[in-house]
Amino acid sequence: MNEISIYLLSTTGALFIFLAAIGVVKMPDLYLRISVTTKAATLGIGLILVAAAIYFGDTAITSRVLAIILFMLLTAPVGAHMIGRASYFTGVKLWTDSKYDDLEGKYDPRSHKLASEDKPKQSDKK
């Protein structure tokens, strides 16, 4: 039973990593590539690490695996967000078929400040 779960987890993890690699090649712009890589690769690495923890069956290795998975889940989305934000602010264009741009008109490239939607307009002030 242990061997089957190890095979399933490691194969599924490798498939997710493979899908992330395909996504890097197939996605039309940087922002979609970041998204697919972050999600699929993080899940794939997590599954392979869980398979390794089951294979070795040692408490020390399992605790390290859990720490690595936690670290990946905390840092990968933040890193992807920061890369996407820096890319947007430096002028990397969105895909031409993108429906809308959430930051359009809210970023001032001279001051590097973002405007909030919650700011009251001048006409709202009394």
C-alpha atoms as a PDB file:
ATOM      1  CA  MET A   1       0.000   0.000   0.000  1.00  0.00           C
ATOM      2  CA  ASN A   2       2.855   2.380   0.830  1.00  0.00           C
ATOM      3  CA  GLU A   3       4.533   1.755  -2.511  1.00  0.00           C
ATOM      4  CA  ILE A   4       1.330   2.472  -4.428  1.00  0.00           C
ATOM      5  CA  SER A   5       0.796   5.772  -2.644  1.00  0.00           C
ATOM      6  CA  ILE A   6       4.441   6.730  -3.264  1.00  0.00           C
ATOM      7  CA  TYR A   7       4.075   5.912  -6.966  1.00  0.00           C
ATOM      8  CA  LEU A   8       0.813   7.833  -7.246  1.00  0.00           C
ATOM      9  CA  LEU A   9       2.045  10.911  -5.385  1.00  0.00           C
ATOM     10  CA  SER A  10       5.366  11.134  -7.192  1.00  0.00           C
ATOM     11  CA  THR A  11       3.798  10.525 -10.617  1.00  0.00           C
ATOM     12  CA  THR A  12       1.073  13.093 -10.008  1.00  0.00           C
ATOM     13  CA  GLY A  13       3.682  15.585  -8.781  1.00  0.00           C
ATOM     14  CA  ALA A  14       5.819  14.996 -11.862  1.00  0.00           C
ATOM     15  CA  LEU A  15       2.743  15.496 -14.083  1.00  0.00           C
ATOM     16  CA  PHE A  16       1.984  18.828 -12.430  1.00  0.00           C
ATOM     17  CA  ILE A  17       5.573  19.958 -12.919  1.00  0.00           C
ATOM     18  CA  PHE A  18       5.374  18.823 -16.554  1.00  0.00           C
ATOM     19  CA  LEU A  19       2.162  20.840 -17.002  1.00  0.00           C
ATOM     20  CA  ALA A  20       3.923  23.869 -15.527  1.00  0.00           C
ATOM     21  CA  ALA A  21       6.720  23.442 -18.065  1.00  0.00           C
ATOM     22  CA  ILE A  22       4.204  23.208 -20.903  1.00  0.00           C
ATOM     23  CA  GLY A  23       2.448  26.301 -19.544  1.00  0.00           C
ATOM     24  CA  VAL A  24       5.666  28.292 -19.644  1.00  0.00           C
ATOM     25  CA  VAL A  25       5.986  27.492 -23.335  1.00  0.00           C
ATOM     26  CA  LYS A  26       2.324  27.797 -24.328  1.00  0.00           C
ATOM     27  CA  MET A  27       1.008  30.781 -22.354  1.00  0.00           C
ATOM     28  CA  PRO A  28       0.901  34.006 -24.371  1.00  0.00           C
ATOM     29  CA  ASP A  29       2.235  36.528 -21.852  1.00  0.00           C
ATOM     30  CA  LEU A  30       4.429  36.814 -18.775  1.00  0.00           C
ATOM     31  CA  TYR A  31       1.546  37.162 -16.330  1.00  0.00           C
ATOM     32  CA  LEU A  32      -0.122  33.910 -17.375  1.00  0.00           C
ATOM     33  CA  ARG A  33       3.241  32.129 -17.346  1.00  0.00           C
ATOM     34  CA  ILE A  34       3.856  33.276 -13.789  1.00  0.00           C
ATOM     35  CA  SER A  35       0.419  32.080 -12.729  1.00  0.00           C
ATOM     36  CA  VAL A  36       0.669  28.604 -14.210  1.00  0.00           C
ATOM     37  CA  THR A  37       4.214  28.098 -12.994  1.00  0.00           C
ATOM     38  CA  THR A  38       3.466  29.162  -9.442  1.00  0.00           C
ATOM     39  CA  LYS A  39       0.379  27.010  -9.032  1.00  0.00           C
ATOM     40  CA  ALA A  40       1.356  23.847 -10.871  1.00  0.00           C
ATOM     41  CA  ALA A  41       5.004  23.696  -9.850  1.00  0.00           C
ATOM     42  CA  THR A  42       4.239  24.355  -6.176  1.00  0.00           C
ATOM     43  CA  LEU A  43       1.656  21.575  -6.128  1.00  0.00           C
ATOM     44  CA  GLY A  44       3.975  19.225  -8.014  1.00  0.00           C
ATOM     45  CA  ILE A  45       6.893  19.840  -5.690  1.00  0.00           C
ATOM     46  CA  GLY A  46       4.625  19.383  -2.681  1.00  0.00           C
ATOM     47  CA  LEU A  47       3.363  16.021  -3.925  1.00  0.00           C
ATOM     48  CA  ILE A  48       6.862  14.756  -4.663  1.00  0.00           C
ATOM     49  CA  LEU A  49       8.020  15.834  -1.208  1.00  0.00           C
ATOM     50  CA  VAL A  50       5.098  14.053   0.442  1.00  0.00           C
ATOM     51  CA  ALA A  51       6.031  10.920  -1.517  1.00  0.00           C
ATOM     52  CA  ALA A  52       9.607  11.253  -0.235  1.00  0.00           C
ATOM     53  CA  ALA A  53       8.371  11.619   3.347  1.00  0.00           C
ATOM     54  CA  ILE A  54       6.294   8.450   3.015  1.00  0.00           C
ATOM     55  CA  TYR A  55       9.168   6.592   1.374  1.00  0.00           C
ATOM     56  CA  PHE A  56      11.682   7.362   4.118  1.00  0.00           C
ATOM     57  CA  GLY A  57       9.174   7.143   6.968  1.00  0.00           C
ATOM     58  CA  ASP A  58      11.466   9.017   9.341  1.00  0.00           C
ATOM     59  CA  THR A  59      10.173  11.726  11.654  1.00  0.00           C
ATOM     60  CA  ALA A  60      13.161  13.982  10.983  1.00  0.00           C
ATOM     61  CA  ILE A  61      12.680  13.800   7.216  1.00  0.00           C
ATOM     62  CA  THR A  62       8.917  14.226   7.489  1.00  0.00           C
ATOM     63  CA  SER A  63       9.319  17.355   9.606  1.00  0.00           C
ATOM     64  CA  ARG A  64      11.777  18.788   7.089  1.00  0.00           C
ATOM     65  CA  VAL A  65       9.417  17.971   4.233  1.00  0.00           C
ATOM     66  CA  LEU A  66       6.555  19.727   6.013  1.00  0.00           C
ATOM     67  CA  ALA A  67       8.759  22.753   6.646  1.00  0.00           C
ATOM     68  CA  ILE A  68       9.774  22.901   2.978  1.00  0.00           C
ATOM     69  CA  ILE A  69       6.151  22.597   1.836  1.00  0.00           C
ATOM     70  CA  LEU A  70       5.081  25.349   4.229  1.00  0.00           C
ATOM     71  CA  PHE A  71       7.934  27.560   3.038  1.00  0.00           C
ATOM     72  CA  MET A  72       6.978  26.941  -0.619  1.00  0.00           C
ATOM     73  CA  LEU A  73       3.305  27.707   0.026  1.00  0.00           C
ATOM     74  CA  LEU A  74       4.225  30.955   1.765  1.00  0.00           C
ATOM     75  CA  THR A  75       6.916  32.226  -0.584  1.00  0.00           C
ATOM     76  CA  ALA A  76       5.905  31.138  -4.096  1.00  0.00           C
ATOM     77  CA  PRO A  77       2.742  33.293  -4.350  1.00  0.00           C
ATOM     78  CA  VAL A  78       4.487  36.302  -2.830  1.00  0.00           C
ATOM     79  CA  GLY A  79       7.428  35.951  -5.213  1.00  0.00           C
ATOM     80  CA  ALA A  80       5.119  35.554  -8.211  1.00  0.00           C
ATOM     81  CA  HIS A  81       3.141  38.614  -7.144  1.00  0.00           C
ATOM     82  CA  MET A  82       6.268  40.718  -6.812  1.00  0.00           C
ATOM     83  CA  ILE A  83       7.601  39.593 -10.213  1.00  0.00           C
ATOM     84  CA  GLY A  84       4.236  40.378 -11.821  1.00  0.00           C
ATOM     85  CA  ARG A  85       4.027  43.759 -10.116  1.00  0.00           C
ATOM     86  CA  ALA A  86       7.555  44.722 -11.146  1.00  0.00           C
ATOM     87  CA  SER A  87       6.841  43.547 -14.690  1.00  0.00           C
ATOM     88  CA  TYR A  88       3.669  45.619 -14.896  1.00  0.00           C
ATOM     89  CA  PHE A  89       5.359  48.721 -13.540  1.00  0.00           C
ATOM     90  CA  THR A  90       8.277  48.411 -15.953  1.00  0.00           C
ATOM     91  CA  GLY A  91       5.905  48.241 -18.903  1.00  0.00           C
ATOM     92  CA  VAL A  92       5.597  44.565 -19.822  1.00  0.00           C
ATOM     93  CA  LYS A  93       2.456  44.424 -21.958  1.00  0.00           C
ATOM     94  CA  LEU A  94      -0.549  42.246 -21.257  1.00  0.00           C
ATOM     95  CA  TRP A  95      -1.735  39.695 -23.792  1.00  0.00           C
ATOM     96  CA  THR A  96      -3.680  41.387 -26.601  1.00  0.00           C
ATOM     97  CA  ASP A  97      -6.804  39.271 -25.865  1.00  0.00           C
ATOM     98  CA  SER A  98      -6.889  40.243 -22.174  1.00  0.00           C
ATOM     99  CA  LYS A  99     -10.387  41.442 -21.283  1.00  0.00           C
ATOM    100  CA  TYR A 100      -9.426  44.207 -18.852  1.00  0.00           C
ATOM    101  CA  ASP A 101      -6.567  45.595 -16.851  1.00  0.00           C
ATOM    102  CA  ASP A 102      -7.280  46.048 -13.138  1.00  0.00           C
ATOM    103  CA  LEU A 103      -4.475  48.587 -12.716  1.00  0.00           C
ATOM    104  CA  GLU A 104      -5.194  50.654 -15.823  1.00  0.00           C
ATOM    105  CA  GLY A 105      -5.236  54.342 -14.931  1.00  0.00           C
ATOM    106  CA  LYS A 106      -4.338  53.693 -11.269  1.00  0.00           C
ATOM    107  CA  TYR A 107      -0.550  53.654 -11.561  1.00  0.00           C
ATOM    108  CA  ASP A 108       1.499  56.823 -11.906  1.00  0.00           C
ATOM    109  CA  PRO A 109       4.833  55.874 -13.516  1.00  0.00           C
ATOM    110  CA  ARG A 110       6.511  59.113 -12.390  1.00  0.00           C
ATOM    111  CA  SER A 111       5.749  58.778  -8.678  1.00  0.00           C
ATOM    112  CA  HIS A 112       5.385  54.964  -8.671  1.00  0.00           C
ATOM    113  CA  LYS A 113       2.193  55.237  -6.636  1.00  0.00           C
ATOM    114  CA  LEU A 114      -1.023  53.309  -7.012  1.00  0.00           C
ATOM    115  CA  ALA A 115      -4.353  55.053  -6.635  1.00  0.00           C
ATOM    116  CA  SER A 116      -6.984  53.321  -4.558  1.00  0.00           C
ATOM    117  CA  GLU A 117     -10.610  52.928  -5.612  1.00  0.00           C
ATOM    118  CA  ASP A 118     -11.638  53.796  -2.079  1.00  0.00           C
ATOM    119  CA  LYS A 119     -10.297  57.348  -2.317  1.00  0.00           C
ATOM    120  CA  PRO A 120     -13.072  59.915  -2.170  1.00  0.00           C
ATOM    121  CA  LYS A 121     -13.435  62.070  -5.258  1.00  0.00           C
ATOM    122  CA  GLN A 122     -13.166  65.850  -5.055  1.00  0.00           C
ATOM    123  CA  SER A 123     -16.908  66.119  -5.797  1.00  0.00           C
ATOM    124  CA  ASP A 124     -17.677  63.872  -2.785  1.00  0.00           C
ATOM    125  CA  LYS A 125     -15.881  66.172  -0.327  1.00  0.00           C
ATOM    126  CA  LYS A 126     -17.913  68.913   1.343  1.00  0.00           C
END
